[in-house]
Amino acid sequence: MPLPDSLPTPPPAPEAGYTYLALGDSYTIGESVSDKDRWSVQLADLLRMEGLPVQPPDIIARTGWTTDELAQAIRTSGNVRKYEMVSLLIGVNNQYRSQSKDKYRQELVDLLRTATDFANGNARRVFVLSIPDWGVTPFVSDRDQQQIAVEIDAFNAIAKEECTRAGIEFIDITPLSRTALNDTSLVAVDRLHFSGKMYRLWAEKALPTVLRLLRP
């Protein structure tokens, strides 16, 4: 279903309410899109439209980060806050750099523990988004798109398995990312990352799960 040309204006961010920490890489920091178009920011907007007083997310993310680089950044951030909800989206750069799946698994398990600690030990307040498929973007015209897809699926299988083991929700947005193959409006101006319109789809995909996690 196509997105409307204009979206409802979300209620203003509250000074108090649910706190939210978003952990990740370029997809979480929103490379090549405005701050308001980040998927985590749009998710917080959607939650407020559902009547939940969610604050704008704190974000620990940077373009290019792998699992170990995110973990190091968390350690050096000095952030000791506890949050009502925590999201994690990481791993595309592990795949891009041809790092081993065993390394990814081990470091992801550590990050899931860290995310749960940020959620005050409550794994039910943590959710993970799958790694999107960057192989569908125009940037990849000279690469093996099928091989990228196979590798992304393998990394995501690991993530889903470890989330299940940890009691953490895993939200599969990879099929949505692949719709960009035939819709350039879902790709950012850098021709590699995704647009705010795509991030809206991810936020809408995550919304029912997050509502279930937050509501009594």
N, C-alpha and C. Protein backbone atom coordinates (compact mmCIF):
# COMPACT_ATOMS: atom_id res chain seq x y z
N MET A 1 0.85 -1.19 0.00
CA MET A 1 0.00 0.00 0.00
C MET A 1 0.88 1.24 0.00
N PRO A 2 0.67 2.19 -0.91
CA PRO A 2 1.53 3.37 -0.93
C PRO A 2 1.30 4.25 0.28
N LEU A 3 2.35 4.92 0.73
CA LEU A 3 2.22 5.82 1.84
C LEU A 3 1.53 7.10 1.40
N PRO A 4 0.75 7.75 2.27
CA PRO A 4 0.12 9.01 1.90
C PRO A 4 1.16 10.09 1.71
N ASP A 5 0.79 11.12 0.95
CA ASP A 5 1.72 12.21 0.70
C ASP A 5 2.04 12.97 1.97
N SER A 6 1.07 13.06 2.88
CA SER A 6 1.30 13.72 4.15
C SER A 6 0.86 12.80 5.27
N LEU A 7 1.59 12.84 6.38
CA LEU A 7 1.31 11.96 7.51
C LEU A 7 0.79 12.79 8.67
N PRO A 8 -0.04 12.19 9.54
CA PRO A 8 -0.53 12.93 10.70
C PRO A 8 0.61 13.46 11.54
N THR A 9 0.41 14.63 12.10
CA THR A 9 1.42 15.22 12.96
C THR A 9 1.37 14.56 14.33
N PRO A 10 2.46 13.98 14.79
CA PRO A 10 2.44 13.31 16.10
C PRO A 10 2.33 14.32 17.22
N PRO A 11 1.81 13.91 18.37
CA PRO A 11 1.80 14.80 19.52
C PRO A 11 3.21 15.21 19.89
N PRO A 12 3.36 16.36 20.54
CA PRO A 12 4.71 16.79 20.93
C PRO A 12 5.34 15.81 21.91
N ALA A 13 6.66 15.73 21.86
CA ALA A 13 7.37 14.82 22.75
C ALA A 13 7.19 15.26 24.20
N PRO A 14 6.87 14.35 25.08
CA PRO A 14 6.66 14.71 26.49
C PRO A 14 7.98 14.91 27.21
N GLU A 15 7.93 15.69 28.28
CA GLU A 15 9.12 15.85 29.11
C GLU A 15 9.35 14.62 29.98
N ALA A 16 8.28 13.91 30.28
CA ALA A 16 8.37 12.67 31.04
C ALA A 16 7.62 11.59 30.27
N GLY A 17 7.90 10.34 30.59
CA GLY A 17 7.24 9.24 29.90
C GLY A 17 8.22 8.12 29.64
N TYR A 18 7.88 7.27 28.71
CA TYR A 18 8.74 6.13 28.40
C TYR A 18 10.06 6.62 27.79
N THR A 19 11.15 6.13 28.34
CA THR A 19 12.47 6.44 27.79
C THR A 19 12.88 5.35 26.82
N TYR A 20 13.66 5.74 25.81
CA TYR A 20 13.96 4.84 24.70
C TYR A 20 15.41 5.02 24.28
N LEU A 21 16.13 3.92 24.17
CA LEU A 21 17.51 3.92 23.70
C LEU A 21 17.59 3.09 22.42
N ALA A 22 18.13 3.69 21.35
CA ALA A 22 18.30 3.00 20.07
C ALA A 22 19.79 2.78 19.81
N LEU A 23 20.17 1.52 19.64
CA LEU A 23 21.56 1.13 19.43
C LEU A 23 21.73 0.64 18.00
N GLY A 24 22.83 1.00 17.33
CA GLY A 24 23.00 0.48 15.99
C GLY A 24 24.11 1.09 15.19
N ASP A 25 23.84 1.23 13.89
CA ASP A 25 24.84 1.72 12.93
C ASP A 25 24.21 2.79 12.05
N SER A 26 24.53 2.81 10.76
CA SER A 26 24.04 3.86 9.87
C SER A 26 22.52 3.88 9.77
N TYR A 27 21.89 2.71 9.87
CA TYR A 27 20.44 2.65 9.74
C TYR A 27 19.73 3.26 10.93
N THR A 28 20.37 3.23 12.10
CA THR A 28 19.78 3.82 13.29
C THR A 28 20.09 5.30 13.40
N ILE A 29 21.29 5.69 13.02
CA ILE A 29 21.62 7.12 13.05
C ILE A 29 20.96 7.86 11.89
N GLY A 30 20.54 7.11 10.86
CA GLY A 30 19.83 7.72 9.74
C GLY A 30 20.76 8.41 8.76
N GLU A 31 21.75 7.70 8.27
CA GLU A 31 22.68 8.25 7.28
C GLU A 31 21.90 8.78 6.07
N SER A 32 22.15 10.02 5.71
CA SER A 32 21.57 10.67 4.52
C SER A 32 20.09 11.02 4.66
N VAL A 33 19.55 10.98 5.88
CA VAL A 33 18.18 11.48 6.09
C VAL A 33 18.20 12.46 7.26
N SER A 34 17.14 13.23 7.39
CA SER A 34 17.03 14.18 8.50
C SER A 34 16.78 13.44 9.80
N ASP A 35 17.03 14.12 10.90
CA ASP A 35 16.83 13.49 12.21
C ASP A 35 15.40 12.99 12.38
N LYS A 36 14.44 13.75 11.92
CA LYS A 36 13.04 13.38 12.11
C LYS A 36 12.64 12.14 11.30
N ASP A 37 13.45 11.80 10.29
CA ASP A 37 13.14 10.65 9.44
C ASP A 37 13.80 9.36 9.91
N ARG A 38 14.61 9.41 10.94
CA ARG A 38 15.20 8.19 11.48
C ARG A 38 14.08 7.23 11.88
N TRP A 39 14.29 5.93 11.67
CA TRP A 39 13.20 4.99 11.97
C TRP A 39 12.85 5.00 13.44
N SER A 40 13.84 5.15 14.31
CA SER A 40 13.55 5.15 15.75
C SER A 40 12.76 6.38 16.17
N VAL A 41 13.07 7.52 15.56
CA VAL A 41 12.32 8.74 15.84
C VAL A 41 10.88 8.60 15.34
N GLN A 42 10.73 8.03 14.15
CA GLN A 42 9.39 7.82 13.62
C GLN A 42 8.60 6.81 14.46
N LEU A 43 9.28 5.81 14.99
CA LEU A 43 8.61 4.86 15.87
C LEU A 43 8.10 5.55 17.13
N ALA A 44 8.94 6.40 17.72
CA ALA A 44 8.50 7.14 18.91
C ALA A 44 7.30 8.02 18.57
N ASP A 45 7.30 8.63 17.39
CA ASP A 45 6.15 9.44 16.95
C ASP A 45 4.89 8.57 16.87
N LEU A 46 5.00 7.41 16.27
CA LEU A 46 3.85 6.52 16.12
C LEU A 46 3.32 6.06 17.47
N LEU A 47 4.22 5.79 18.40
CA LEU A 47 3.80 5.37 19.73
C LEU A 47 3.04 6.49 20.44
N ARG A 48 3.48 7.74 20.28
CA ARG A 48 2.75 8.86 20.87
C ARG A 48 1.37 9.00 20.24
N MET A 49 1.28 8.74 18.94
CA MET A 49 -0.02 8.79 18.27
C MET A 49 -0.96 7.70 18.78
N GLU A 50 -0.38 6.63 19.35
CA GLU A 50 -1.17 5.58 19.96
C GLU A 50 -1.48 5.86 21.43
N GLY A 51 -1.06 7.01 21.91
CA GLY A 51 -1.39 7.40 23.27
C GLY A 51 -0.33 7.10 24.30
N LEU A 52 0.84 6.60 23.87
CA LEU A 52 1.91 6.30 24.81
C LEU A 52 2.90 7.47 24.86
N PRO A 53 3.17 8.01 26.03
CA PRO A 53 4.07 9.16 26.14
C PRO A 53 5.54 8.75 26.04
N VAL A 54 6.02 8.59 24.82
CA VAL A 54 7.39 8.13 24.58
C VAL A 54 8.28 9.33 24.25
N GLN A 55 9.39 9.43 24.94
CA GLN A 55 10.34 10.49 24.68
C GLN A 55 11.12 10.19 23.39
N PRO A 56 11.69 11.22 22.75
CA PRO A 56 12.57 10.96 21.62
C PRO A 56 13.72 10.05 22.04
N PRO A 57 14.18 9.19 21.16
CA PRO A 57 15.19 8.21 21.59
C PRO A 57 16.55 8.83 21.83
N ASP A 58 17.24 8.32 22.84
CA ASP A 58 18.68 8.48 22.91
C ASP A 58 19.26 7.50 21.89
N ILE A 59 20.32 7.90 21.22
CA ILE A 59 20.88 7.07 20.15
C ILE A 59 22.38 6.89 20.35
N ILE A 60 22.81 5.64 20.32
CA ILE A 60 24.23 5.32 20.23
C ILE A 60 24.40 4.54 18.94
N ALA A 61 24.86 5.22 17.91
CA ALA A 61 24.96 4.62 16.58
C ALA A 61 25.87 5.48 15.72
N ARG A 62 26.51 4.84 14.75
CA ARG A 62 27.35 5.58 13.80
C ARG A 62 27.50 4.74 12.53
N THR A 63 27.55 5.45 11.43
CA THR A 63 27.74 4.78 10.15
C THR A 63 29.04 3.97 10.15
N GLY A 64 28.94 2.72 9.70
CA GLY A 64 30.12 1.87 9.57
C GLY A 64 30.39 0.95 10.74
N TRP A 65 29.69 1.13 11.85
CA TRP A 65 29.98 0.33 13.02
C TRP A 65 29.60 -1.14 12.83
N THR A 66 30.48 -2.00 13.29
CA THR A 66 30.21 -3.42 13.43
C THR A 66 29.77 -3.69 14.87
N THR A 67 29.48 -4.94 15.17
CA THR A 67 29.07 -5.28 16.53
C THR A 67 30.12 -4.91 17.56
N ASP A 68 31.39 -5.19 17.28
CA ASP A 68 32.43 -4.88 18.27
C ASP A 68 32.63 -3.38 18.42
N GLU A 69 32.47 -2.62 17.34
CA GLU A 69 32.63 -1.16 17.43
C GLU A 69 31.47 -0.53 18.19
N LEU A 70 30.27 -1.06 18.02
CA LEU A 70 29.15 -0.57 18.81
C LEU A 70 29.37 -0.87 20.28
N ALA A 71 29.82 -2.07 20.57
CA ALA A 71 30.06 -2.44 21.97
C ALA A 71 31.11 -1.53 22.61
N GLN A 72 32.17 -1.23 21.86
CA GLN A 72 33.21 -0.34 22.38
C GLN A 72 32.65 1.05 22.61
N ALA A 73 31.83 1.53 21.70
CA ALA A 73 31.24 2.87 21.84
C ALA A 73 30.32 2.95 23.05
N ILE A 74 29.59 1.88 23.31
CA ILE A 74 28.73 1.86 24.49
C ILE A 74 29.58 1.94 25.75
N ARG A 75 30.68 1.19 25.76
CA ARG A 75 31.55 1.20 26.95
C ARG A 75 32.14 2.58 27.20
N THR A 76 32.50 3.30 26.14
CA THR A 76 33.13 4.61 26.30
C THR A 76 32.13 5.74 26.41
N SER A 77 30.84 5.46 26.19
CA SER A 77 29.83 6.51 26.24
C SER A 77 29.58 7.02 27.66
N GLY A 78 29.82 6.15 28.62
CA GLY A 78 29.53 6.53 30.01
C GLY A 78 28.05 6.51 30.34
N ASN A 79 27.22 6.00 29.44
CA ASN A 79 25.77 5.98 29.66
C ASN A 79 25.42 4.87 30.65
N VAL A 80 24.89 5.27 31.80
CA VAL A 80 24.49 4.29 32.81
C VAL A 80 22.99 4.37 33.09
N ARG A 81 22.26 5.04 32.23
CA ARG A 81 20.81 5.17 32.41
C ARG A 81 20.10 3.83 32.20
N LYS A 82 18.89 3.75 32.72
CA LYS A 82 18.01 2.62 32.46
C LYS A 82 16.82 3.15 31.65
N TYR A 83 16.34 2.31 30.73
CA TYR A 83 15.32 2.74 29.78
C TYR A 83 14.12 1.79 29.83
N GLU A 84 12.95 2.36 29.47
CA GLU A 84 11.75 1.53 29.37
C GLU A 84 11.75 0.67 28.11
N MET A 85 12.50 1.08 27.08
CA MET A 85 12.59 0.28 25.87
C MET A 85 13.94 0.50 25.21
N VAL A 86 14.46 -0.56 24.58
CA VAL A 86 15.76 -0.52 23.93
C VAL A 86 15.66 -1.28 22.61
N SER A 87 16.17 -0.67 21.54
CA SER A 87 16.20 -1.36 20.25
C SER A 87 17.65 -1.57 19.81
N LEU A 88 17.84 -2.60 18.99
CA LEU A 88 19.16 -2.92 18.45
C LEU A 88 19.02 -3.29 16.99
N LEU A 89 19.82 -2.66 16.15
CA LEU A 89 19.90 -3.00 14.72
C LEU A 89 21.37 -2.91 14.34
N ILE A 90 22.01 -4.07 14.16
CA ILE A 90 23.45 -4.10 13.93
C ILE A 90 23.82 -5.36 13.16
N GLY A 91 24.89 -5.28 12.38
CA GLY A 91 25.41 -6.45 11.71
C GLY A 91 25.71 -6.29 10.24
N VAL A 92 25.15 -5.25 9.62
CA VAL A 92 25.37 -5.12 8.18
C VAL A 92 26.85 -4.91 7.86
N ASN A 93 27.56 -4.22 8.73
CA ASN A 93 28.98 -3.98 8.46
C ASN A 93 29.84 -5.20 8.76
N ASN A 94 29.36 -6.07 9.64
CA ASN A 94 30.03 -7.36 9.81
C ASN A 94 29.99 -8.13 8.50
N GLN A 95 28.81 -8.15 7.88
CA GLN A 95 28.67 -8.83 6.59
C GLN A 95 29.47 -8.13 5.50
N TYR A 96 29.41 -6.81 5.45
CA TYR A 96 30.09 -6.03 4.42
C TYR A 96 31.60 -6.25 4.48
N ARG A 97 32.14 -6.40 5.68
CA ARG A 97 33.58 -6.59 5.85
C ARG A 97 33.99 -8.07 5.83
N SER A 98 33.05 -8.92 5.53
CA SER A 98 33.31 -10.37 5.45
C SER A 98 33.81 -10.93 6.77
N GLN A 99 33.32 -10.41 7.88
CA GLN A 99 33.67 -10.97 9.18
C GLN A 99 32.92 -12.29 9.38
N SER A 100 33.45 -13.12 10.24
CA SER A 100 32.89 -14.46 10.40
C SER A 100 31.55 -14.41 11.12
N LYS A 101 30.73 -15.39 10.82
CA LYS A 101 29.43 -15.50 11.48
C LYS A 101 29.61 -15.88 12.95
N ASP A 102 30.63 -16.64 13.26
CA ASP A 102 30.88 -16.99 14.66
C ASP A 102 31.21 -15.75 15.48
N LYS A 103 32.00 -14.88 14.90
CA LYS A 103 32.35 -13.61 15.57
C LYS A 103 31.09 -12.78 15.79
N TYR A 104 30.27 -12.70 14.75
CA TYR A 104 29.02 -11.95 14.86
C TYR A 104 28.15 -12.52 15.97
N ARG A 105 28.00 -13.82 16.00
CA ARG A 105 27.15 -14.44 17.02
C ARG A 105 27.64 -14.11 18.43
N GLN A 106 28.92 -14.28 18.66
CA GLN A 106 29.46 -14.03 19.99
C GLN A 106 29.26 -12.58 20.41
N GLU A 107 29.55 -11.66 19.51
CA GLU A 107 29.43 -10.24 19.85
C GLU A 107 27.98 -9.80 19.94
N LEU A 108 27.11 -10.41 19.14
CA LEU A 108 25.69 -10.09 19.25
C LEU A 108 25.13 -10.54 20.59
N VAL A 109 25.51 -11.73 21.03
CA VAL A 109 25.05 -12.21 22.33
C VAL A 109 25.44 -11.22 23.43
N ASP A 110 26.65 -10.71 23.36
CA ASP A 110 27.09 -9.72 24.35
C ASP A 110 26.26 -8.44 24.26
N LEU A 111 25.95 -8.01 23.03
CA LEU A 111 25.15 -6.80 22.86
C LEU A 111 23.72 -7.00 23.36
N LEU A 112 23.17 -8.19 23.18
CA LEU A 112 21.83 -8.46 23.70
C LEU A 112 21.83 -8.37 25.23
N ARG A 113 22.89 -8.86 25.84
CA ARG A 113 22.99 -8.73 27.30
C ARG A 113 23.10 -7.26 27.70
N THR A 114 23.88 -6.50 26.95
CA THR A 114 24.03 -5.08 27.25
C THR A 114 22.71 -4.35 27.08
N ALA A 115 22.00 -4.64 25.99
CA ALA A 115 20.70 -4.01 25.76
C ALA A 115 19.72 -4.34 26.88
N THR A 116 19.75 -5.59 27.34
CA THR A 116 18.87 -5.99 28.43
C THR A 116 19.23 -5.28 29.72
N ASP A 117 20.51 -5.08 29.95
CA ASP A 117 20.94 -4.31 31.13
C ASP A 117 20.43 -2.88 31.05
N PHE A 118 20.51 -2.26 29.87
CA PHE A 118 19.97 -0.91 29.69
C PHE A 118 18.47 -0.89 29.98
N ALA A 119 17.79 -2.00 29.70
CA ALA A 119 16.34 -2.10 29.95
C ALA A 119 16.06 -2.56 31.37
N ASN A 120 16.99 -2.31 32.27
CA ASN A 120 16.85 -2.65 33.69
C ASN A 120 16.64 -4.14 33.90
N GLY A 121 17.31 -4.93 33.04
CA GLY A 121 17.26 -6.37 33.18
C GLY A 121 16.03 -7.04 32.59
N ASN A 122 15.17 -6.26 31.93
CA ASN A 122 13.91 -6.79 31.40
C ASN A 122 14.03 -7.03 29.90
N ALA A 123 14.29 -8.28 29.52
CA ALA A 123 14.44 -8.61 28.11
C ALA A 123 13.17 -8.36 27.31
N ARG A 124 12.02 -8.31 27.98
CA ARG A 124 10.75 -8.06 27.30
C ARG A 124 10.62 -6.62 26.84
N ARG A 125 11.53 -5.77 27.25
CA ARG A 125 11.53 -4.38 26.80
C ARG A 125 12.61 -4.11 25.77
N VAL A 126 13.20 -5.16 25.23
CA VAL A 126 14.23 -5.06 24.20
C VAL A 126 13.68 -5.66 22.91
N PHE A 127 13.98 -5.05 21.79
CA PHE A 127 13.61 -5.64 20.50
C PHE A 127 14.72 -5.39 19.49
N VAL A 128 14.86 -6.32 18.57
CA VAL A 128 15.91 -6.29 17.56
C VAL A 128 15.27 -6.24 16.18
N LEU A 129 15.77 -5.35 15.33
CA LEU A 129 15.37 -5.34 13.93
C LEU A 129 16.39 -6.11 13.12
N SER A 130 15.91 -6.86 12.15
CA SER A 130 16.80 -7.63 11.28
C SER A 130 17.66 -6.70 10.42
N ILE A 131 18.74 -7.26 9.90
CA ILE A 131 19.64 -6.50 9.03
C ILE A 131 18.97 -6.32 7.67
N PRO A 132 18.85 -5.08 7.20
CA PRO A 132 18.28 -4.86 5.87
C PRO A 132 19.25 -5.29 4.77
N ASP A 133 18.72 -5.46 3.58
CA ASP A 133 19.52 -5.92 2.45
C ASP A 133 19.98 -4.73 1.61
N TRP A 134 21.22 -4.32 1.84
CA TRP A 134 21.78 -3.19 1.10
C TRP A 134 22.07 -3.57 -0.35
N GLY A 135 22.00 -4.86 -0.66
CA GLY A 135 22.29 -5.32 -2.01
C GLY A 135 21.27 -4.88 -3.04
N VAL A 136 20.13 -4.37 -2.60
CA VAL A 136 19.10 -3.93 -3.56
C VAL A 136 19.28 -2.47 -3.98
N THR A 137 20.25 -1.78 -3.40
CA THR A 137 20.40 -0.35 -3.68
C THR A 137 21.22 -0.13 -4.95
N PRO A 138 21.09 1.04 -5.58
CA PRO A 138 21.85 1.33 -6.80
C PRO A 138 23.36 1.27 -6.61
N PHE A 139 23.84 1.48 -5.38
CA PHE A 139 25.26 1.42 -5.08
C PHE A 139 25.87 0.07 -5.46
N VAL A 140 25.04 -0.97 -5.51
CA VAL A 140 25.53 -2.34 -5.65
C VAL A 140 25.44 -2.84 -7.09
N SER A 141 25.38 -1.95 -8.02
CA SER A 141 25.18 -2.36 -9.41
C SER A 141 26.29 -3.26 -9.94
N ASP A 142 27.50 -3.14 -9.37
CA ASP A 142 28.62 -3.94 -9.87
C ASP A 142 28.99 -5.09 -8.94
N ARG A 143 28.08 -5.44 -8.02
CA ARG A 143 28.35 -6.51 -7.07
C ARG A 143 27.34 -7.64 -7.25
N ASP A 144 27.60 -8.75 -6.57
CA ASP A 144 26.74 -9.92 -6.66
C ASP A 144 25.59 -9.75 -5.67
N GLN A 145 24.46 -9.27 -6.14
CA GLN A 145 23.33 -9.00 -5.27
C GLN A 145 22.80 -10.27 -4.60
N GLN A 146 22.80 -11.36 -5.34
CA GLN A 146 22.30 -12.61 -4.77
C GLN A 146 23.18 -13.10 -3.63
N GLN A 147 24.49 -12.97 -3.78
CA GLN A 147 25.40 -13.40 -2.73
C GLN A 147 25.21 -12.54 -1.48
N ILE A 148 25.03 -11.23 -1.67
CA ILE A 148 24.77 -10.35 -0.53
C ILE A 148 23.51 -10.79 0.20
N ALA A 149 22.47 -11.10 -0.58
CA ALA A 149 21.20 -11.52 0.02
C ALA A 149 21.37 -12.80 0.83
N VAL A 150 22.11 -13.76 0.29
CA VAL A 150 22.34 -15.02 0.98
C VAL A 150 23.08 -14.78 2.30
N GLU A 151 24.09 -13.93 2.26
CA GLU A 151 24.87 -13.65 3.47
C GLU A 151 24.04 -12.89 4.51
N ILE A 152 23.26 -11.91 4.06
CA ILE A 152 22.38 -11.17 4.97
C ILE A 152 21.42 -12.14 5.65
N ASP A 153 20.84 -13.05 4.89
CA ASP A 153 19.90 -14.02 5.46
C ASP A 153 20.59 -14.90 6.50
N ALA A 154 21.84 -15.26 6.26
CA ALA A 154 22.57 -16.10 7.21
C ALA A 154 22.83 -15.35 8.52
N PHE A 155 23.22 -14.10 8.41
CA PHE A 155 23.43 -13.30 9.62
C PHE A 155 22.11 -13.11 10.37
N ASN A 156 21.04 -12.89 9.64
CA ASN A 156 19.74 -12.70 10.29
C ASN A 156 19.26 -13.97 10.96
N ALA A 157 19.57 -15.11 10.39
CA ALA A 157 19.19 -16.37 11.03
C ALA A 157 19.86 -16.50 12.39
N ILE A 158 21.11 -16.08 12.47
CA ILE A 158 21.82 -16.09 13.74
C ILE A 158 21.15 -15.14 14.73
N ALA A 159 20.84 -13.94 14.27
CA ALA A 159 20.22 -12.95 15.14
C ALA A 159 18.88 -13.44 15.68
N LYS A 160 18.07 -14.03 14.81
CA LYS A 160 16.77 -14.54 15.25
C LYS A 160 16.94 -15.65 16.28
N GLU A 161 17.89 -16.54 16.03
CA GLU A 161 18.13 -17.64 16.95
C GLU A 161 18.56 -17.14 18.33
N GLU A 162 19.46 -16.18 18.35
CA GLU A 162 19.96 -15.67 19.63
C GLU A 162 18.91 -14.83 20.35
N CYS A 163 18.08 -14.11 19.60
CA CYS A 163 16.99 -13.37 20.22
C CYS A 163 15.99 -14.33 20.88
N THR A 164 15.66 -15.39 20.18
CA THR A 164 14.75 -16.39 20.74
C THR A 164 15.33 -16.96 22.02
N ARG A 165 16.61 -17.27 22.00
CA ARG A 165 17.27 -17.84 23.18
C ARG A 165 17.25 -16.86 24.36
N ALA A 166 17.36 -15.56 24.04
CA ALA A 166 17.41 -14.55 25.10
C ALA A 166 16.04 -14.03 25.51
N GLY A 167 14.98 -14.47 24.83
CA GLY A 167 13.65 -13.98 25.14
C GLY A 167 13.39 -12.57 24.66
N ILE A 168 14.04 -12.21 23.54
CA ILE A 168 13.95 -10.87 22.97
C ILE A 168 13.22 -10.92 21.64
N GLU A 169 12.35 -9.95 21.40
CA GLU A 169 11.58 -9.90 20.16
C GLU A 169 12.49 -9.59 18.97
N PHE A 170 12.30 -10.34 17.89
CA PHE A 170 13.03 -10.13 16.64
C PHE A 170 12.02 -9.73 15.57
N ILE A 171 12.25 -8.57 14.96
CA ILE A 171 11.32 -8.01 13.99
C ILE A 171 11.99 -8.02 12.62
N ASP A 172 11.42 -8.75 11.70
CA ASP A 172 12.03 -8.97 10.39
C ASP A 172 11.60 -7.88 9.40
N ILE A 173 12.50 -6.91 9.20
CA ILE A 173 12.22 -5.84 8.24
C ILE A 173 12.99 -6.06 6.92
N THR A 174 13.71 -7.16 6.81
CA THR A 174 14.50 -7.40 5.61
C THR A 174 13.65 -7.49 4.34
N PRO A 175 12.50 -8.19 4.36
CA PRO A 175 11.67 -8.18 3.16
C PRO A 175 11.23 -6.78 2.74
N LEU A 176 10.95 -5.92 3.71
CA LEU A 176 10.60 -4.53 3.37
C LEU A 176 11.77 -3.83 2.69
N SER A 177 12.98 -4.06 3.19
CA SER A 177 14.15 -3.41 2.58
C SER A 177 14.31 -3.82 1.13
N ARG A 178 13.94 -5.04 0.82
CA ARG A 178 14.13 -5.55 -0.54
C ARG A 178 13.13 -4.96 -1.54
N THR A 179 12.08 -4.32 -1.06
CA THR A 179 11.15 -3.66 -1.98
C THR A 179 11.78 -2.43 -2.63
N ALA A 180 12.91 -1.97 -2.09
CA ALA A 180 13.60 -0.82 -2.70
C ALA A 180 14.19 -1.16 -4.06
N LEU A 181 14.30 -2.43 -4.37
CA LEU A 181 14.84 -2.84 -5.65
C LEU A 181 14.05 -2.23 -6.80
N ASN A 182 12.74 -2.09 -6.62
CA ASN A 182 11.87 -1.58 -7.68
C ASN A 182 11.20 -0.26 -7.32
N ASP A 183 11.71 0.42 -6.28
CA ASP A 183 11.13 1.70 -5.86
C ASP A 183 12.25 2.59 -5.33
N THR A 184 12.73 3.45 -6.18
CA THR A 184 13.87 4.30 -5.80
C THR A 184 13.50 5.34 -4.74
N SER A 185 12.23 5.57 -4.51
CA SER A 185 11.83 6.51 -3.46
C SER A 185 12.15 5.97 -2.08
N LEU A 186 12.46 4.69 -1.99
CA LEU A 186 12.81 4.06 -0.72
C LEU A 186 14.31 4.09 -0.45
N VAL A 187 15.07 4.70 -1.37
CA VAL A 187 16.53 4.78 -1.25
C VAL A 187 16.92 6.23 -0.99
N ALA A 188 17.92 6.43 -0.13
CA ALA A 188 18.40 7.77 0.19
C ALA A 188 19.20 8.35 -0.98
N VAL A 189 19.51 9.63 -0.87
CA VAL A 189 20.20 10.33 -1.97
C VAL A 189 21.60 9.80 -2.20
N ASP A 190 22.19 9.13 -1.20
CA ASP A 190 23.55 8.60 -1.39
C ASP A 190 23.54 7.29 -2.18
N ARG A 191 22.35 6.78 -2.51
CA ARG A 191 22.18 5.59 -3.34
C ARG A 191 22.62 4.29 -2.65
N LEU A 192 22.90 4.37 -1.36
CA LEU A 192 23.32 3.20 -0.59
C LEU A 192 22.40 2.93 0.60
N HIS A 193 22.05 3.98 1.31
CA HIS A 193 21.20 3.82 2.48
C HIS A 193 19.74 4.01 2.08
N PHE A 194 18.87 3.89 3.07
CA PHE A 194 17.44 3.95 2.79
C PHE A 194 16.87 5.32 3.17
N SER A 195 15.73 5.63 2.58
CA SER A 195 15.10 6.93 2.77
C SER A 195 14.19 6.94 3.99
N GLY A 196 13.75 8.14 4.36
CA GLY A 196 12.80 8.26 5.45
C GLY A 196 11.51 7.52 5.18
N LYS A 197 11.13 7.41 3.93
CA LYS A 197 9.94 6.66 3.55
C LYS A 197 10.09 5.18 3.89
N MET A 198 11.26 4.63 3.61
CA MET A 198 11.53 3.24 4.00
C MET A 198 11.54 3.11 5.52
N TYR A 199 12.18 4.04 6.20
CA TYR A 199 12.24 3.96 7.65
C TYR A 199 10.84 4.02 8.26
N ARG A 200 9.94 4.74 7.61
CA ARG A 200 8.55 4.75 8.09
C ARG A 200 7.95 3.34 8.04
N LEU A 201 8.25 2.62 6.97
CA LEU A 201 7.75 1.24 6.86
C LEU A 201 8.30 0.37 7.98
N TRP A 202 9.58 0.56 8.32
CA TRP A 202 10.17 -0.22 9.41
C TRP A 202 9.48 0.11 10.73
N ALA A 203 9.27 1.41 10.97
CA ALA A 203 8.62 1.84 12.21
C ALA A 203 7.21 1.27 12.31
N GLU A 204 6.48 1.28 11.20
CA GLU A 204 5.13 0.72 11.20
C GLU A 204 5.15 -0.79 11.42
N LYS A 205 6.16 -1.45 10.89
CA LYS A 205 6.31 -2.89 11.10
C LYS A 205 6.57 -3.20 12.58
N ALA A 206 7.39 -2.38 13.21
CA ALA A 206 7.75 -2.60 14.61
C ALA A 206 6.64 -2.21 15.58
N LEU A 207 5.78 -1.32 15.16
CA LEU A 207 4.80 -0.72 16.07
C LEU A 207 3.95 -1.75 16.84
N PRO A 208 3.30 -2.72 16.20
CA PRO A 208 2.46 -3.64 16.97
C PRO A 208 3.24 -4.41 18.04
N THR A 209 4.45 -4.83 17.71
CA THR A 209 5.26 -5.55 18.68
C THR A 209 5.62 -4.66 19.86
N VAL A 210 6.03 -3.43 19.58
CA VAL A 210 6.45 -2.54 20.65
C VAL A 210 5.26 -2.15 21.52
N LEU A 211 4.09 -1.94 20.91
CA LEU A 211 2.89 -1.66 21.70
C LEU A 211 2.63 -2.81 22.67
N ARG A 212 2.76 -4.02 22.21
CA ARG A 212 2.53 -5.18 23.06
C ARG A 212 3.56 -5.25 24.19
N LEU A 213 4.79 -4.85 23.92
CA LEU A 213 5.83 -4.87 24.95
C LEU A 213 5.59 -3.81 26.01
N LEU A 214 5.06 -2.66 25.61
CA LEU A 214 4.95 -1.54 26.52
C LEU A 214 3.64 -1.52 27.31
N ARG A 215 2.57 -1.99 26.68
CA ARG A 215 1.27 -1.92 27.36
C ARG A 215 1.14 -3.06 28.36
N PRO A 216 0.52 -2.77 29.51
CA PRO A 216 0.35 -3.81 30.55
C PRO A 216 -0.46 -5.00 30.02
